[in-house]
């Protein structure tokens, strides 16, 4: 069984009650701030911004990696262009542009 005897004076009990009221009031104020619509909206915005930043960061890293991979295919270790790889790709690109131009010209004519 719990000991129900209290040896505190009435003044000590009143002081404890005041302290508990102050703690309770502070807790209620914190809860009020947390459930305030502006706080909820602000927290939601912060989460969205953080997710967007994270996604954009990952996209940047992926794009940077892709560019580095392409660059590595068309340059040697010293950074000099590899003409044996660049020339065929350029010829294919010029050919495709030429075919597109001819196709557009035939449709108009």
C-alpha atoms as a PDB file:
ATOM      1  CA  UNK A   1       0.000   0.000   0.000  1.00  0.00           C
ATOM      2  CA  UNK A   2       1.043   3.525  -0.671  1.00  0.00           C
ATOM      3  CA  UNK A   3       2.052   5.727   2.200  1.00  0.00           C
ATOM      4  CA  UNK A   4      -0.595   8.468   2.433  1.00  0.00           C
ATOM      5  CA  UNK A   5       1.041  10.450   5.242  1.00  0.00           C
ATOM      6  CA  UNK A   6       2.284  13.848   4.097  1.00  0.00           C
ATOM      7  CA  UNK A   7       4.722  15.713   6.297  1.00  0.00           C
ATOM      8  CA  UNK A   8       4.704  18.903   4.220  1.00  0.00           C
ATOM      9  CA  UNK A   9       3.343  22.106   5.589  1.00  0.00           C
ATOM     10  CA  UNK A  10       0.396  23.865   3.939  1.00  0.00           C
ATOM     11  CA  UNK A  11       2.809  26.502   2.609  1.00  0.00           C
ATOM     12  CA  UNK A  12       4.968  23.798   0.998  1.00  0.00           C
ATOM     13  CA  UNK A  13       1.885  22.180  -0.546  1.00  0.00           C
ATOM     14  CA  UNK A  14       0.766  25.553  -1.941  1.00  0.00           C
ATOM     15  CA  UNK A  15       4.260  26.166  -3.358  1.00  0.00           C
ATOM     16  CA  UNK A  16       4.195  22.719  -5.048  1.00  0.00           C
ATOM     17  CA  UNK A  17       0.762  23.489  -6.503  1.00  0.00           C
ATOM     18  CA  UNK A  18       2.043  26.816  -7.908  1.00  0.00           C
ATOM     19  CA  UNK A  19       5.035  25.075  -9.498  1.00  0.00           C
ATOM     20  CA  UNK A  20       2.813  22.391 -11.029  1.00  0.00           C
ATOM     21  CA  UNK A  21       0.411  25.025 -12.344  1.00  0.00           C
ATOM     22  CA  UNK A  22       3.301  26.903 -13.975  1.00  0.00           C
ATOM     23  CA  UNK A  23       4.595  23.694 -15.589  1.00  0.00           C
ATOM     24  CA  UNK A  24       1.086  22.809 -16.755  1.00  0.00           C
ATOM     25  CA  UNK A  25       0.552  26.305 -18.192  1.00  0.00           C
ATOM     26  CA  UNK A  26       3.861  26.070 -20.070  1.00  0.00           C
ATOM     27  CA  UNK A  27       2.901  22.650 -21.444  1.00  0.00           C
ATOM     28  CA  UNK A  28      -0.492  23.951 -22.566  1.00  0.00           C
ATOM     29  CA  UNK A  29       1.191  26.922 -24.270  1.00  0.00           C
ATOM     30  CA  UNK A  30       3.524  24.554 -26.140  1.00  0.00           C
ATOM     31  CA  UNK A  31       0.574  22.412 -27.225  1.00  0.00           C
ATOM     32  CA  UNK A  32      -1.266  25.528 -28.368  1.00  0.00           C
ATOM     33  CA  UNK A  33       1.693  26.570 -30.511  1.00  0.00           C
ATOM     34  CA  UNK A  34       2.062  23.076 -31.986  1.00  0.00           C
ATOM     35  CA  UNK A  35      -1.600  22.772 -33.009  1.00  0.00           C
ATOM     36  CA  UNK A  36      -1.939  26.351 -34.263  1.00  0.00           C
ATOM     37  CA  UNK A  37      -2.842  26.339 -37.986  1.00  0.00           C
ATOM     38  CA  UNK A  38       0.108  28.601 -38.883  1.00  0.00           C
ATOM     39  CA  UNK A  39       2.503  26.191 -37.183  1.00  0.00           C
ATOM     40  CA  UNK A  40       0.985  23.191 -38.939  1.00  0.00           C
ATOM     41  CA  UNK A  41       1.157  24.945 -42.326  1.00  0.00           C
ATOM     42  CA  UNK A  42       4.715  26.089 -41.653  1.00  0.00           C
ATOM     43  CA  UNK A  43       5.792  22.569 -40.721  1.00  0.00           C
ATOM     44  CA  UNK A  44       4.118  21.152 -43.830  1.00  0.00           C
ATOM     45  CA  UNK A  45       5.833  23.750 -46.035  1.00  0.00           C
ATOM     46  CA  UNK A  46       9.188  22.965 -44.447  1.00  0.00           C
ATOM     47  CA  UNK A  47       8.717  19.248 -45.128  1.00  0.00           C
ATOM     48  CA  UNK A  48       7.761  19.899 -48.759  1.00  0.00           C
ATOM     49  CA  UNK A  49      10.748  22.191 -49.268  1.00  0.00           C
ATOM     50  CA  UNK A  50      13.064  19.628 -47.684  1.00  0.00           C
ATOM     51  CA  UNK A  51      11.680  16.873 -49.931  1.00  0.00           C
ATOM     52  CA  UNK A  52      12.043  19.075 -53.017  1.00  0.00           C
ATOM     53  CA  UNK A  53      15.593  20.009 -52.047  1.00  0.00           C
ATOM     54  CA  UNK A  54      16.418  16.343 -51.526  1.00  0.00           C
ATOM     55  CA  UNK A  55      14.865  15.355 -54.864  1.00  0.00           C
ATOM     56  CA  UNK A  56      16.598  18.186 -56.728  1.00  0.00           C
ATOM     57  CA  UNK A  57      19.883  17.267 -55.098  1.00  0.00           C
ATOM     58  CA  UNK A  58      19.524  13.670 -56.211  1.00  0.00           C
ATOM     59  CA  UNK A  59      18.553  14.804 -59.725  1.00  0.00           C
ATOM     60  CA  UNK A  60      21.591  17.094 -59.879  1.00  0.00           C
ATOM     61  CA  UNK A  61      23.896  14.289 -58.797  1.00  0.00           C
ATOM     62  CA  UNK A  62      22.343  11.951 -61.363  1.00  0.00           C
ATOM     63  CA  UNK A  63      22.632  14.505 -64.164  1.00  0.00           C
ATOM     64  CA  UNK A  64      26.185  15.342 -63.180  1.00  0.00           C
ATOM     65  CA  UNK A  65      27.067  11.646 -63.201  1.00  0.00           C
ATOM     66  CA  UNK A  66      25.466  11.204 -66.647  1.00  0.00           C
ATOM     67  CA  UNK A  67      27.385  14.184 -68.052  1.00  0.00           C
ATOM     68  CA  UNK A  68      30.618  12.837 -66.581  1.00  0.00           C
ATOM     69  CA  UNK A  69      29.948   9.414 -68.095  1.00  0.00           C
ATOM     70  CA  UNK A  70      29.301  10.926 -71.538  1.00  0.00           C
ATOM     71  CA  UNK A  71      32.372  13.137 -71.245  1.00  0.00           C
ATOM     72  CA  UNK A  72      34.477  10.113 -70.275  1.00  0.00           C
ATOM     73  CA  UNK A  73      33.315   8.288 -73.422  1.00  0.00           C
ATOM     74  CA  UNK A  74      34.387  11.140 -75.716  1.00  0.00           C
ATOM     75  CA  UNK A  75      37.625  12.243 -74.032  1.00  0.00           C
ATOM     76  CA  UNK A  76      40.740  10.392 -72.966  1.00  0.00           C
ATOM     77  CA  UNK A  77      42.370  10.474 -69.537  1.00  0.00           C
ATOM     78  CA  UNK A  78      44.118  13.769 -70.372  1.00  0.00           C
ATOM     79  CA  UNK A  79      40.864  15.434 -71.464  1.00  0.00           C
ATOM     80  CA  UNK A  80      41.743  15.389 -75.155  1.00  0.00           C
ATOM     81  CA  UNK A  81      38.824  14.599 -77.502  1.00  0.00           C
ATOM     82  CA  UNK A  82      38.571  11.073 -78.927  1.00  0.00           C
ATOM     83  CA  UNK A  83      37.909  11.778 -82.578  1.00  0.00           C
ATOM     84  CA  UNK A  84      37.313   8.086 -83.333  1.00  0.00           C
ATOM     85  CA  UNK A  85      34.182   8.353 -81.170  1.00  0.00           C
ATOM     86  CA  UNK A  86      33.130  11.944 -81.833  1.00  0.00           C
ATOM     87  CA  UNK A  87      33.167  11.854 -85.661  1.00  0.00           C
ATOM     88  CA  UNK A  88      30.686   8.936 -86.057  1.00  0.00           C
ATOM     89  CA  UNK A  89      28.259  10.496 -83.556  1.00  0.00           C
ATOM     90  CA  UNK A  90      28.512  13.866 -85.315  1.00  0.00           C
ATOM     91  CA  UNK A  91      27.871  12.240 -88.707  1.00  0.00           C
ATOM     92  CA  UNK A  92      24.793  10.456 -87.374  1.00  0.00           C
ATOM     93  CA  UNK A  93      23.505  13.717 -85.863  1.00  0.00           C
ATOM     94  CA  UNK A  94      24.030  15.610 -89.129  1.00  0.00           C
ATOM     95  CA  UNK A  95      22.285  12.813 -91.018  1.00  0.00           C
ATOM     96  CA  UNK A  96      19.284  12.897 -88.683  1.00  0.00           C
ATOM     97  CA  UNK A  97      18.991  16.670 -88.974  1.00  0.00           C
ATOM     98  CA  UNK A  98      19.168  16.352 -92.761  1.00  0.00           C
ATOM     99  CA  UNK A  99      16.431  13.707 -92.811  1.00  0.00           C
ATOM    100  CA  UNK A 100      14.222  15.847 -90.588  1.00  0.00           C
ATOM    101  CA  UNK A 101      14.784  18.852 -92.842  1.00  0.00           C
ATOM    102  CA  UNK A 102      13.875  16.822 -95.927  1.00  0.00           C
ATOM    103  CA  UNK A 103      10.778  15.456 -94.235  1.00  0.00           C
ATOM    104  CA  UNK A 104       9.617  18.938 -93.285  1.00  0.00           C
ATOM    105  CA  UNK A 105      10.318  20.228 -96.769  1.00  0.00           C
ATOM    106  CA  UNK A 106       8.296  17.433 -98.412  1.00  0.00           C
ATOM    107  CA  UNK A 107       5.296  18.046 -96.146  1.00  0.00           C
ATOM    108  CA  UNK A 108       5.203  21.734 -97.005  1.00  0.00           C
ATOM    109  CA  UNK A 109       5.653  21.165-100.756  1.00  0.00           C
END
